[in-house]
Amino acid sequence: MAKILVFNNDTNRMETYYRGENEAMPYVTNRTLTVGEFRGSSGSPTL
């Protein structure tokens, strides 16, 4: 499970998401980019 931090320009706030390796990244439509694809070979628990 990865912790994903995203800054939302509309609200000027940080958003936190917890997603599994095979789940879609936040704000991605049609599941075009998964957490595992974004992470690549990094071992960091926070993205």
PDB file of N, CA and C in Angstrom:
ATOM      1  N   MET A   1       0.847  -1.168   0.000  1.00  0.00           N
ATOM      2  CA  MET A   1       0.000   0.000   0.000  1.00  0.00           C
ATOM      3  C   MET A   1       0.894   1.233   0.000  1.00  0.00           C
ATOM      4  N   ALA A   2       0.617   2.153  -0.902  1.00  0.00           N
ATOM      5  CA  ALA A   2       1.408   3.371  -1.038  1.00  0.00           C
ATOM      6  C   ALA A   2       0.634   4.570  -0.512  1.00  0.00           C
ATOM      7  N   LYS A   3       1.343   5.483   0.094  1.00  0.00           N
ATOM      8  CA  LYS A   3       0.767   6.757   0.527  1.00  0.00           C
ATOM      9  C   LYS A   3       1.112   7.770  -0.551  1.00  0.00           C
ATOM     10  N   ILE A   4       0.092   8.394  -1.130  1.00  0.00           N
ATOM     11  CA  ILE A   4       0.289   9.322  -2.231  1.00  0.00           C
ATOM     12  C   ILE A   4      -0.136  10.716  -1.790  1.00  0.00           C
ATOM     13  N   LEU A   5       0.757  11.677  -1.921  1.00  0.00           N
ATOM     14  CA  LEU A   5       0.475  13.061  -1.568  1.00  0.00           C
ATOM     15  C   LEU A   5       0.329  13.869  -2.854  1.00  0.00           C
ATOM     16  N   VAL A   6      -0.786  14.596  -2.965  1.00  0.00           N
ATOM     17  CA  VAL A   6      -1.065  15.398  -4.160  1.00  0.00           C
ATOM     18  C   VAL A   6      -1.491  16.784  -3.706  1.00  0.00           C
ATOM     19  N   PHE A   7      -0.935  17.824  -4.336  1.00  0.00           N
ATOM     20  CA  PHE A   7      -1.370  19.188  -4.046  1.00  0.00           C
ATOM     21  C   PHE A   7      -2.493  19.544  -5.004  1.00  0.00           C
ATOM     22  N   ASN A   8      -3.632  19.975  -4.463  1.00  0.00           N
ATOM     23  CA  ASN A   8      -4.793  20.368  -5.259  1.00  0.00           C
ATOM     24  C   ASN A   8      -4.771  21.888  -5.409  1.00  0.00           C
ATOM     25  N   ASN A   9      -4.533  22.364  -6.629  1.00  0.00           N
ATOM     26  CA  ASN A   9      -4.459  23.805  -6.889  1.00  0.00           C
ATOM     27  C   ASN A   9      -5.803  24.498  -6.670  1.00  0.00           C
ATOM     28  N   ASP A  10      -6.898  23.792  -6.891  1.00  0.00           N
ATOM     29  CA  ASP A  10      -8.224  24.402  -6.739  1.00  0.00           C
ATOM     30  C   ASP A  10      -8.530  24.753  -5.288  1.00  0.00           C
ATOM     31  N   THR A  11      -8.101  23.901  -4.362  1.00  0.00           N
ATOM     32  CA  THR A  11      -8.397  24.124  -2.945  1.00  0.00           C
ATOM     33  C   THR A  11      -7.185  24.618  -2.155  1.00  0.00           C
ATOM     34  N   ASN A  12      -6.011  24.648  -2.795  1.00  0.00           N
ATOM     35  CA  ASN A  12      -4.753  25.024  -2.136  1.00  0.00           C
ATOM     36  C   ASN A  12      -4.464  24.150  -0.917  1.00  0.00           C
ATOM     37  N   ARG A  13      -4.732  22.871  -1.041  1.00  0.00           N
ATOM     38  CA  ARG A  13      -4.489  21.921   0.054  1.00  0.00           C
ATOM     39  C   ARG A  13      -3.816  20.657  -0.461  1.00  0.00           C
ATOM     40  N   MET A  14      -3.119  19.992   0.459  1.00  0.00           N
ATOM     41  CA  MET A  14      -2.543  18.683   0.158  1.00  0.00           C
ATOM     42  C   MET A  14      -3.620  17.629   0.376  1.00  0.00           C
ATOM     43  N   GLU A  15      -3.663  16.643  -0.517  1.00  0.00           N
ATOM     44  CA  GLU A  15      -4.582  15.522  -0.388  1.00  0.00           C
ATOM     45  C   GLU A  15      -3.763  14.254  -0.208  1.00  0.00           C
ATOM     46  N   THR A  16      -4.225  13.362   0.650  1.00  0.00           N
ATOM     47  CA  THR A  16      -3.533  12.104   0.916  1.00  0.00           C
ATOM     48  C   THR A  16      -4.404  10.943   0.463  1.00  0.00           C
ATOM     49  N   TYR A  17      -3.809  10.042  -0.299  1.00  0.00           N
ATOM     50  CA  TYR A  17      -4.505   8.859  -0.783  1.00  0.00           C
ATOM     51  C   TYR A  17      -3.676   7.634  -0.406  1.00  0.00           C
ATOM     52  N   TYR A  18      -4.339   6.541  -0.111  1.00  0.00           N
ATOM     53  CA  TYR A  18      -3.680   5.262   0.151  1.00  0.00           C
ATOM     54  C   TYR A  18      -4.167   4.290  -0.917  1.00  0.00           C
ATOM     55  N   ARG A  19      -3.247   3.805  -1.736  1.00  0.00           N
ATOM     56  CA  ARG A  19      -3.617   2.939  -2.849  1.00  0.00           C
ATOM     57  C   ARG A  19      -2.691   1.736  -2.930  1.00  0.00           C
ATOM     58  N   GLY A  20      -3.238   0.618  -3.421  1.00  0.00           N
ATOM     59  CA  GLY A  20      -2.459  -0.582  -3.671  1.00  0.00           C
ATOM     60  C   GLY A  20      -1.697  -0.461  -4.986  1.00  0.00           C
ATOM     61  N   GLU A  21      -0.748  -1.355  -5.210  1.00  0.00           N
ATOM     62  CA  GLU A  21       0.105  -1.308  -6.400  1.00  0.00           C
ATOM     63  C   GLU A  21      -0.676  -1.389  -7.714  1.00  0.00           C
ATOM     64  N   ASN A  22      -1.784  -2.116  -7.736  1.00  0.00           N
ATOM     65  CA  ASN A  22      -2.533  -2.316  -8.973  1.00  0.00           C
ATOM     66  C   ASN A  22      -3.709  -1.358  -9.122  1.00  0.00           C
ATOM     67  N   GLU A  23      -3.857  -0.413  -8.213  1.00  0.00           N
ATOM     68  CA  GLU A  23      -4.940   0.560  -8.303  1.00  0.00           C
ATOM     69  C   GLU A  23      -4.487   1.776  -9.110  1.00  0.00           C
ATOM     70  N   ALA A  24      -5.446   2.518  -9.638  1.00  0.00           N
ATOM     71  CA  ALA A  24      -5.144   3.701 -10.446  1.00  0.00           C
ATOM     72  C   ALA A  24      -4.657   4.843  -9.559  1.00  0.00           C
ATOM     73  N   MET A  25      -3.787   5.661 -10.131  1.00  0.00           N
ATOM     74  CA  MET A  25      -3.330   6.863  -9.441  1.00  0.00           C
ATOM     75  C   MET A  25      -4.496   7.847  -9.326  1.00  0.00           C
ATOM     76  N   PRO A  26      -4.477   8.711  -8.311  1.00  0.00           N
ATOM     77  CA  PRO A  26      -5.524   9.725  -8.189  1.00  0.00           C
ATOM     78  C   PRO A  26      -5.539  10.643  -9.417  1.00  0.00           C
ATOM     79  N   TYR A  27      -6.718  11.075  -9.798  1.00  0.00           N
ATOM     80  CA  TYR A  27      -6.935  11.998 -10.913  1.00  0.00           C
ATOM     81  C   TYR A  27      -6.624  11.391 -12.276  1.00  0.00           C
ATOM     82  N   VAL A  28      -6.459  10.082 -12.375  1.00  0.00           N
ATOM     83  CA  VAL A  28      -6.208   9.421 -13.650  1.00  0.00           C
ATOM     84  C   VAL A  28      -7.518   8.818 -14.141  1.00  0.00           C
ATOM     85  N   THR A  29      -7.856   9.072 -15.405  1.00  0.00           N
ATOM     86  CA  THR A  29      -9.086   8.525 -15.961  1.00  0.00           C
ATOM     87  C   THR A  29      -8.811   7.216 -16.691  1.00  0.00           C
ATOM     88  N   ASN A  30      -9.780   6.352 -16.695  1.00  0.00           N
ATOM     89  CA  ASN A  30      -9.722   5.059 -17.402  1.00  0.00           C
ATOM     90  C   ASN A  30      -8.559   4.181 -16.984  1.00  0.00           C
ATOM     91  N   ARG A  31      -8.076   4.358 -15.743  1.00  0.00           N
ATOM     92  CA  ARG A  31      -7.020   3.488 -15.205  1.00  0.00           C
ATOM     93  C   ARG A  31      -5.799   3.415 -16.103  1.00  0.00           C
ATOM     94  N   THR A  32      -5.375   4.547 -16.649  1.00  0.00           N
ATOM     95  CA  THR A  32      -4.256   4.562 -17.592  1.00  0.00           C
ATOM     96  C   THR A  32      -2.893   4.534 -16.919  1.00  0.00           C
ATOM     97  N   LEU A  33      -2.836   4.807 -15.606  1.00  0.00           N
ATOM     98  CA  LEU A  33      -1.558   4.774 -14.884  1.00  0.00           C
ATOM     99  C   LEU A  33      -1.802   4.202 -13.494  1.00  0.00           C
ATOM    100  N   THR A  34      -1.189   3.069 -13.211  1.00  0.00           N
ATOM    101  CA  THR A  34      -1.342   2.457 -11.901  1.00  0.00           C
ATOM    102  C   THR A  34      -0.255   2.958 -10.958  1.00  0.00           C
ATOM    103  N   VAL A  35      -0.446   2.704  -9.684  1.00  0.00           N
ATOM    104  CA  VAL A  35       0.539   3.097  -8.672  1.00  0.00           C
ATOM    105  C   VAL A  35       1.872   2.403  -8.948  1.00  0.00           C
ATOM    106  N   GLY A  36       1.838   1.129  -9.290  1.00  0.00           N
ATOM    107  CA  GLY A  36       3.065   0.383  -9.571  1.00  0.00           C
ATOM    108  C   GLY A  36       3.825   0.940 -10.762  1.00  0.00           C
ATOM    109  N   GLU A  37       3.107   1.356 -11.802  1.00  0.00           N
ATOM    110  CA  GLU A  37       3.759   1.947 -12.972  1.00  0.00           C
ATOM    111  C   GLU A  37       4.390   3.291 -12.613  1.00  0.00           C
ATOM    112  N   PHE A  38       3.698   4.079 -11.800  1.00  0.00           N
ATOM    113  CA  PHE A  38       4.229   5.375 -11.387  1.00  0.00           C
ATOM    114  C   PHE A  38       5.448   5.213 -10.495  1.00  0.00           C
ATOM    115  N   ARG A  39       5.390   4.236  -9.581  1.00  0.00           N
ATOM    116  CA  ARG A  39       6.485   4.013  -8.632  1.00  0.00           C
ATOM    117  C   ARG A  39       7.740   3.510  -9.325  1.00  0.00           C
ATOM    118  N   GLY A  40       7.584   2.651 -10.309  1.00  0.00           N
ATOM    119  CA  GLY A  40       8.745   2.094 -10.998  1.00  0.00           C
ATOM    120  C   GLY A  40       9.571   1.223 -10.063  1.00  0.00           C
ATOM    121  N   SER A  41      10.862   1.431 -10.010  1.00  0.00           N
ATOM    122  CA  SER A  41      11.733   0.611  -9.175  1.00  0.00           C
ATOM    123  C   SER A  41      11.974   1.221  -7.798  1.00  0.00           C
ATOM    124  N   SER A  42      11.311   2.331  -7.498  1.00  0.00           N
ATOM    125  CA  SER A  42      11.474   2.973  -6.209  1.00  0.00           C
ATOM    126  C   SER A  42      10.864   2.117  -5.100  1.00  0.00           C
ATOM    127  N   GLY A  43      11.495   2.079  -3.970  1.00  0.00           N
ATOM    128  CA  GLY A  43      10.993   1.326  -2.834  1.00  0.00           C
ATOM    129  C   GLY A  43      10.332   2.214  -1.779  1.00  0.00           C
ATOM    130  N   SER A  44      10.191   3.491  -2.098  1.00  0.00           N
ATOM    131  CA  SER A  44       9.632   4.442  -1.140  1.00  0.00           C
ATOM    132  C   SER A  44       8.152   4.160  -0.876  1.00  0.00           C
ATOM    133  N   PRO A  45       7.725   4.201   0.377  1.00  0.00           N
ATOM    134  CA  PRO A  45       6.309   3.992   0.690  1.00  0.00           C
ATOM    135  C   PRO A  45       5.468   5.236   0.437  1.00  0.00           C
ATOM    136  N   THR A  46       6.114   6.391   0.229  1.00  0.00           N
ATOM    137  CA  THR A  46       5.396   7.644  -0.014  1.00  0.00           C
ATOM    138  C   THR A  46       5.722   8.147  -1.401  1.00  0.00           C
ATOM    139  N   LEU A  47       4.681   8.467  -2.160  1.00  0.00           N
ATOM    140  CA  LEU A  47       4.853   8.961  -3.525  1.00  0.00           C
ATOM    141  C   LEU A  47       4.301  10.358  -3.642  1.00  0.00           C
TER     142      LEU A  47
END
